[in-house]
Amino acid sequence: MLTLGIDSTPKLSSQNFIALRDIIYSRSGIFFTDNKKYLLETRLSRRLEQRNLKTFEDYVMFLSYDKDREKELAELINSIVINETSFFRDQMQLEAFGKGVVPRLIERNSKDGNRNLRIWSSACSTGEEPFTLAIMLLEAGLHLRNWSINIFGSDISPVVLRSAESAFYEKYSLRNLPEPYLKKYFLNDGDTFRPKRNVLDLVRFKKINLIDSLETRQIREMDVIFCRNVLIYFDDASRKKAISHLYDSLAKGGYLFLGFSEMHHNITRLFRPVSFERSVVYQKI
């Protein structure tokens, strides 16, 4: 039922909030608690405008029955997830990766005659994280020592993945980038910057929903997985499922990076916490 405020903008009723929350949860694992109703209303109001719909009830019907519902579901998911990212974000964790994890993996893999390094940025948004990891490994010179580097970037949103694949960035996205890397690894095209070919060639992108076992099954035997600031959107059931899928995608002894606030009791049963450079990383047992 439509409820109008003084400004006549659509208001989200409790009934339609529950319907939309259930649609979002079933497709993504993202759960909106009751106190997030206004947040959902705010973020989806623009979707009503884009679809020329007058009420949230119309929007629920559209998502349920319209022939374009799959395309709109992708736009919906993109609208509710904050895609705040940048190159070289969370420096302490990147130091743990570069100075702690990578040397251990090189030593371990070399003993097994394996000169491959496989990394998955599992919620890469517009691509800054996987390209950051590519630059770090190029700086480490692994490609000059005949190492094969494969970096996979994935996200649930096709919208942000299209942006990642195009790989054009404004200066704000590079605000944390060490200055020498700008000329060394980027081409400048007016107000935008694009990674050079040696960086682009190390990264491939794929749409993956972390709670979908069929999709996560496409990624296996990873040496490192980054899944930072994603699990905070999930409830306990979805979080447990996502962690299980990440575990299955890691090679034995592989490492998982989570956001600083994402420690979860299921992690400690499946992984061994390891400290590197003031950061905790989780190693598959």
Protein backbone atom coordinates (compact mmCIF):
# COMPACT_ATOMS: atom_id res chain seq x y z
CA MET A 1 0.00 0.00 0.00
CA LEU A 2 1.29 3.44 -0.91
CA THR A 3 1.88 5.96 1.82
CA LEU A 4 2.67 9.52 0.74
CA GLY A 5 4.49 12.12 2.74
CA ILE A 6 4.02 15.86 2.38
CA ASP A 7 6.49 15.90 -0.51
CA SER A 8 4.53 13.09 -2.26
CA THR A 9 7.60 10.87 -2.55
CA PRO A 10 6.92 7.12 -2.25
CA LYS A 11 7.25 5.64 1.23
CA LEU A 12 8.16 2.04 1.91
CA SER A 13 5.48 0.22 3.90
CA SER A 14 6.39 -2.56 6.30
CA GLN A 15 4.78 -5.13 4.00
CA ASN A 16 6.77 -4.02 0.95
CA PHE A 17 9.93 -3.69 3.03
CA ILE A 18 9.64 -7.36 4.01
CA ALA A 19 8.94 -8.37 0.40
CA LEU A 20 11.97 -6.46 -0.91
CA ARG A 21 14.17 -7.65 1.96
CA ASP A 22 13.27 -11.27 1.14
CA ILE A 23 14.01 -10.79 -2.57
CA ILE A 24 17.39 -9.24 -1.80
CA TYR A 25 18.27 -11.89 0.77
CA SER A 26 17.35 -14.82 -1.48
CA ARG A 27 19.49 -13.46 -4.31
CA SER A 28 22.51 -12.11 -2.47
CA GLY A 29 22.58 -13.15 1.20
CA ILE A 30 22.48 -9.47 2.15
CA PHE A 31 20.06 -8.98 5.03
CA PHE A 32 18.34 -5.74 6.03
CA THR A 33 17.23 -5.66 9.67
CA ASP A 34 14.03 -3.84 10.61
CA ASN A 35 15.90 -0.71 11.62
CA LYS A 36 17.31 -0.41 8.08
CA LYS A 37 13.92 0.16 6.43
CA TYR A 38 14.57 3.86 5.84
CA LEU A 39 18.01 3.08 4.39
CA LEU A 40 16.49 0.65 1.89
CA GLU A 41 13.79 3.16 1.01
CA THR A 42 16.38 5.86 0.36
CA ARG A 43 18.63 3.71 -1.79
CA LEU A 44 15.81 2.27 -3.90
CA SER A 45 13.87 5.47 -4.53
CA ARG A 46 16.04 6.18 -7.56
CA ARG A 47 15.24 2.74 -8.98
CA LEU A 48 11.54 3.66 -8.95
CA GLU A 49 12.38 6.85 -10.85
CA GLN A 50 14.49 4.97 -13.38
CA ARG A 51 11.69 2.45 -14.00
CA ASN A 52 8.99 5.14 -13.99
CA LEU A 53 7.18 3.39 -11.14
CA LYS A 54 5.05 5.28 -8.65
CA THR A 55 5.04 2.99 -5.61
CA PHE A 56 7.21 0.39 -3.93
CA GLU A 57 4.36 -2.05 -4.38
CA ASP A 58 4.73 -1.55 -8.16
CA TYR A 59 8.45 -2.20 -7.76
CA VAL A 60 7.87 -5.47 -5.91
CA MET A 61 5.52 -6.58 -8.70
CA PHE A 62 8.09 -5.58 -11.32
CA LEU A 63 10.82 -7.63 -9.60
CA SER A 64 8.48 -10.60 -9.32
CA TYR A 65 6.93 -10.76 -12.78
CA ASP A 66 8.37 -8.38 -15.38
CA LYS A 67 10.40 -9.78 -18.28
CA ASP A 68 13.25 -7.40 -17.36
CA ARG A 69 13.32 -8.43 -13.69
CA GLU A 70 16.75 -10.10 -13.90
CA LYS A 71 18.34 -6.95 -15.25
CA GLU A 72 16.62 -4.89 -12.58
CA LEU A 73 17.71 -7.26 -9.82
CA ALA A 74 21.32 -6.59 -10.84
CA GLU A 75 20.67 -2.84 -10.65
CA LEU A 76 18.97 -3.27 -7.27
CA ILE A 77 21.94 -5.12 -5.77
CA ASN A 78 24.30 -2.47 -7.08
CA SER A 79 22.15 0.23 -5.48
CA ILE A 80 22.23 -1.23 -1.99
CA VAL A 81 25.93 -2.13 -1.75
CA ILE A 82 28.41 0.62 -0.98
CA ASN A 83 31.19 0.33 -3.55
CA GLU A 84 33.68 2.52 -1.70
CA THR A 85 37.19 1.48 -2.67
CA SER A 86 40.51 2.81 -3.89
CA PHE A 87 43.97 1.66 -4.92
CA PHE A 88 46.23 0.60 -2.02
CA ARG A 89 43.44 0.72 0.55
CA ASP A 90 44.11 -0.61 4.09
CA GLN A 91 47.87 -0.34 3.95
CA MET A 92 48.57 -2.59 6.96
CA GLN A 93 46.84 -5.55 5.34
CA LEU A 94 48.65 -4.95 2.07
CA GLU A 95 51.95 -4.97 3.96
CA ALA A 96 50.92 -8.28 5.52
CA PHE A 97 50.26 -9.59 2.01
CA GLY A 98 53.47 -8.28 0.44
CA LYS A 99 55.94 -8.81 3.27
CA GLY A 100 54.42 -11.81 5.02
CA VAL A 101 52.13 -13.96 2.92
CA VAL A 102 53.78 -13.70 -0.51
CA PRO A 103 57.31 -14.68 0.69
CA ARG A 104 55.84 -17.70 2.51
CA LEU A 105 53.91 -18.78 -0.57
CA ILE A 106 56.97 -18.41 -2.79
CA GLU A 107 58.99 -20.57 -0.42
CA ARG A 108 56.27 -23.20 -0.08
CA ASN A 109 55.30 -23.41 -3.74
CA SER A 110 58.93 -23.48 -4.88
CA LYS A 111 59.59 -26.56 -2.74
CA ASP A 112 56.73 -28.31 -4.55
CA GLY A 113 58.05 -27.25 -7.97
CA ASN A 114 55.04 -24.97 -8.34
CA ARG A 115 55.75 -21.52 -9.74
CA ASN A 116 52.16 -20.37 -9.86
CA LEU A 117 50.44 -17.82 -7.67
CA ARG A 118 46.64 -17.70 -7.70
CA ILE A 119 44.77 -14.88 -5.97
CA TRP A 120 41.07 -14.08 -5.76
CA SER A 121 39.70 -10.63 -4.93
CA SER A 122 36.22 -11.88 -4.12
CA ALA A 123 34.33 -8.59 -3.87
CA CYS A 124 36.42 -6.39 -6.09
CA SER A 125 33.83 -3.71 -6.91
CA THR A 126 35.32 -1.52 -9.68
CA GLY A 127 38.66 -3.35 -9.71
CA GLU A 128 40.99 -1.26 -7.59
CA GLU A 129 41.90 -4.12 -5.24
CA PRO A 130 42.93 -6.77 -7.82
CA PHE A 131 44.90 -4.20 -9.81
CA THR A 132 46.63 -3.10 -6.59
CA LEU A 133 47.68 -6.71 -5.95
CA ALA A 134 48.92 -7.00 -9.55
CA ILE A 135 51.09 -3.90 -9.13
CA MET A 136 52.52 -5.24 -5.86
CA LEU A 137 53.48 -8.55 -7.46
CA LEU A 138 55.04 -6.79 -10.45
CA GLU A 139 57.04 -4.67 -8.02
CA ALA A 140 58.18 -7.89 -6.32
CA GLY A 141 59.53 -9.04 -9.68
CA LEU A 142 57.87 -12.45 -9.72
CA HIS A 143 57.23 -12.21 -13.46
CA LEU A 144 60.98 -11.81 -14.00
CA ARG A 145 61.59 -15.08 -12.12
CA ASN A 146 59.27 -17.11 -14.34
CA TRP A 147 56.34 -17.10 -11.95
CA SER A 148 52.84 -17.32 -13.37
CA ILE A 149 50.50 -14.83 -11.70
CA ASN A 150 46.74 -15.26 -11.97
CA ILE A 151 44.46 -12.78 -10.23
CA PHE A 152 40.69 -13.15 -10.33
CA GLY A 153 38.39 -10.27 -9.49
CA SER A 154 34.73 -10.96 -8.82
CA ASP A 155 31.63 -9.16 -7.64
CA ILE A 156 27.92 -9.82 -7.41
CA SER A 157 27.15 -6.67 -9.42
CA PRO A 158 27.52 -6.76 -13.22
CA VAL A 159 27.40 -2.96 -13.16
CA VAL A 160 30.62 -2.53 -11.19
CA LEU A 161 32.29 -5.40 -13.05
CA ARG A 162 31.75 -3.58 -16.36
CA SER A 163 33.52 -0.60 -14.82
CA ALA A 164 36.34 -2.85 -13.57
CA GLU A 165 36.81 -4.36 -17.02
CA SER A 166 36.99 -0.93 -18.66
CA ALA A 167 39.59 0.04 -16.01
CA PHE A 168 39.37 3.82 -16.25
CA TYR A 169 39.87 5.65 -12.94
CA GLU A 170 39.67 9.21 -11.73
CA LYS A 171 42.47 10.69 -9.65
CA TYR A 172 40.47 10.27 -6.43
CA SER A 173 40.65 6.47 -6.76
CA LEU A 174 44.44 6.73 -6.86
CA ARG A 175 44.74 8.97 -3.80
CA ASN A 176 46.61 6.29 -1.79
CA LEU A 177 48.80 5.17 -4.68
CA PRO A 178 52.55 5.68 -4.08
CA GLU A 179 53.57 8.51 -6.39
CA PRO A 180 56.29 6.59 -8.31
CA TYR A 181 53.71 3.96 -9.32
CA LEU A 182 51.54 6.48 -11.16
CA LYS A 183 53.96 6.93 -14.06
CA LYS A 184 55.30 3.40 -13.86
CA TYR A 185 51.99 1.55 -14.04
CA PHE A 186 49.36 3.97 -15.42
CA LEU A 187 48.54 5.80 -18.62
CA ASN A 188 46.97 9.24 -18.32
CA ASP A 189 44.06 10.13 -20.59
CA GLY A 190 42.94 13.61 -19.65
CA ASP A 191 41.18 13.39 -16.30
CA THR A 192 41.29 9.59 -16.14
CA PHE A 193 44.00 6.99 -15.59
CA ARG A 194 44.20 3.41 -16.84
CA PRO A 195 46.59 0.64 -15.75
CA LYS A 196 49.18 -0.31 -18.33
CA ARG A 197 48.95 -3.56 -20.25
CA ASN A 198 51.33 -5.49 -17.96
CA VAL A 199 48.95 -4.80 -15.04
CA LEU A 200 45.74 -5.48 -16.98
CA ASP A 201 47.03 -8.81 -18.28
CA LEU A 202 47.34 -10.27 -14.77
CA VAL A 203 43.66 -9.79 -13.86
CA ARG A 204 40.47 -11.48 -15.06
CA PHE A 205 36.96 -10.61 -13.91
CA LYS A 206 33.93 -12.79 -13.26
CA LYS A 207 30.48 -12.35 -11.70
CA ILE A 208 30.28 -14.49 -8.56
CA ASN A 209 27.74 -14.54 -5.75
CA LEU A 210 29.51 -15.65 -2.57
CA ILE A 211 26.53 -17.58 -1.26
CA ASP A 212 26.02 -19.48 -4.53
CA SER A 213 27.91 -22.79 -4.40
CA LEU A 214 27.70 -23.29 -8.18
CA GLU A 215 29.31 -19.93 -8.85
CA THR A 216 32.01 -20.12 -6.17
CA ARG A 217 32.87 -23.63 -7.40
CA GLN A 218 34.37 -21.99 -10.49
CA ILE A 219 37.21 -20.69 -8.33
CA ARG A 220 39.44 -23.36 -6.81
CA GLU A 221 42.96 -23.88 -5.44
CA MET A 222 43.54 -20.21 -4.58
CA ASP A 223 46.71 -19.32 -2.70
CA VAL A 224 45.13 -16.12 -1.35
CA ILE A 225 41.58 -14.81 -1.12
CA PHE A 226 40.69 -11.22 -0.25
CA CYS A 227 37.14 -10.82 1.07
CA ARG A 228 37.25 -7.51 2.87
CA ASN A 229 34.23 -5.58 4.17
CA VAL A 230 31.70 -7.95 2.60
CA LEU A 231 30.53 -10.23 5.39
CA ILE A 232 29.21 -7.24 7.34
CA TYR A 233 26.25 -7.20 4.94
CA PHE A 234 25.28 -10.82 5.73
CA ASP A 235 23.30 -12.40 8.53
CA ASP A 236 24.78 -15.37 10.41
CA ALA A 237 23.39 -18.02 8.03
CA SER A 238 24.66 -16.28 4.88
CA ARG A 239 27.99 -15.46 6.53
CA LYS A 240 28.52 -19.09 7.48
CA LYS A 241 27.71 -20.19 3.93
CA ALA A 242 30.05 -17.63 2.37
CA ILE A 243 32.92 -18.58 4.69
CA SER A 244 32.43 -22.24 3.83
CA HIS A 245 32.60 -21.44 0.11
CA LEU A 246 35.75 -19.37 0.58
CA TYR A 247 37.31 -22.25 2.50
CA ASP A 248 36.53 -24.66 -0.35
CA SER A 249 38.06 -22.26 -2.88
CA LEU A 250 41.37 -22.00 -1.03
CA ALA A 251 44.24 -24.42 -1.54
CA LYS A 252 45.43 -26.17 1.60
CA GLY A 253 47.58 -23.72 3.54
CA GLY A 254 46.13 -20.78 1.60
CA TYR A 255 45.40 -17.42 3.22
CA LEU A 256 42.16 -15.47 3.69
CA PHE A 257 42.06 -11.70 4.24
CA LEU A 258 38.93 -10.28 5.91
CA GLY A 259 38.02 -6.74 6.91
CA PHE A 260 39.23 -5.57 10.30
CA SER A 261 35.74 -5.81 11.83
CA GLU A 262 34.79 -9.16 10.31
CA MET A 263 36.19 -11.70 12.74
CA HIS A 264 33.61 -14.49 13.10
CA HIS A 265 33.48 -17.60 15.30
CA ASN A 266 33.16 -19.88 12.24
CA ILE A 267 36.53 -18.59 11.02
CA THR A 268 38.49 -19.96 13.96
CA ARG A 269 37.08 -23.45 13.46
CA LEU A 270 38.19 -23.60 9.83
CA PHE A 271 41.29 -21.40 9.79
CA ARG A 272 44.36 -20.73 11.87
CA PRO A 273 44.91 -17.01 12.62
CA VAL A 274 48.40 -15.84 11.67
CA SER A 275 49.87 -12.42 12.49
CA PHE A 276 51.80 -10.49 9.84
CA GLU A 277 52.80 -6.84 9.99
CA ARG A 278 50.21 -5.87 12.64
CA SER A 279 47.41 -7.68 10.79
CA VAL A 280 45.69 -11.01 11.35
CA VAL A 281 45.37 -13.30 8.33
CA TYR A 282 43.49 -16.62 8.32
CA GLN A 283 45.26 -19.72 7.01
CA LYS A 284 43.34 -22.77 5.85
CA ILE A 285 44.14 -25.70 8.09
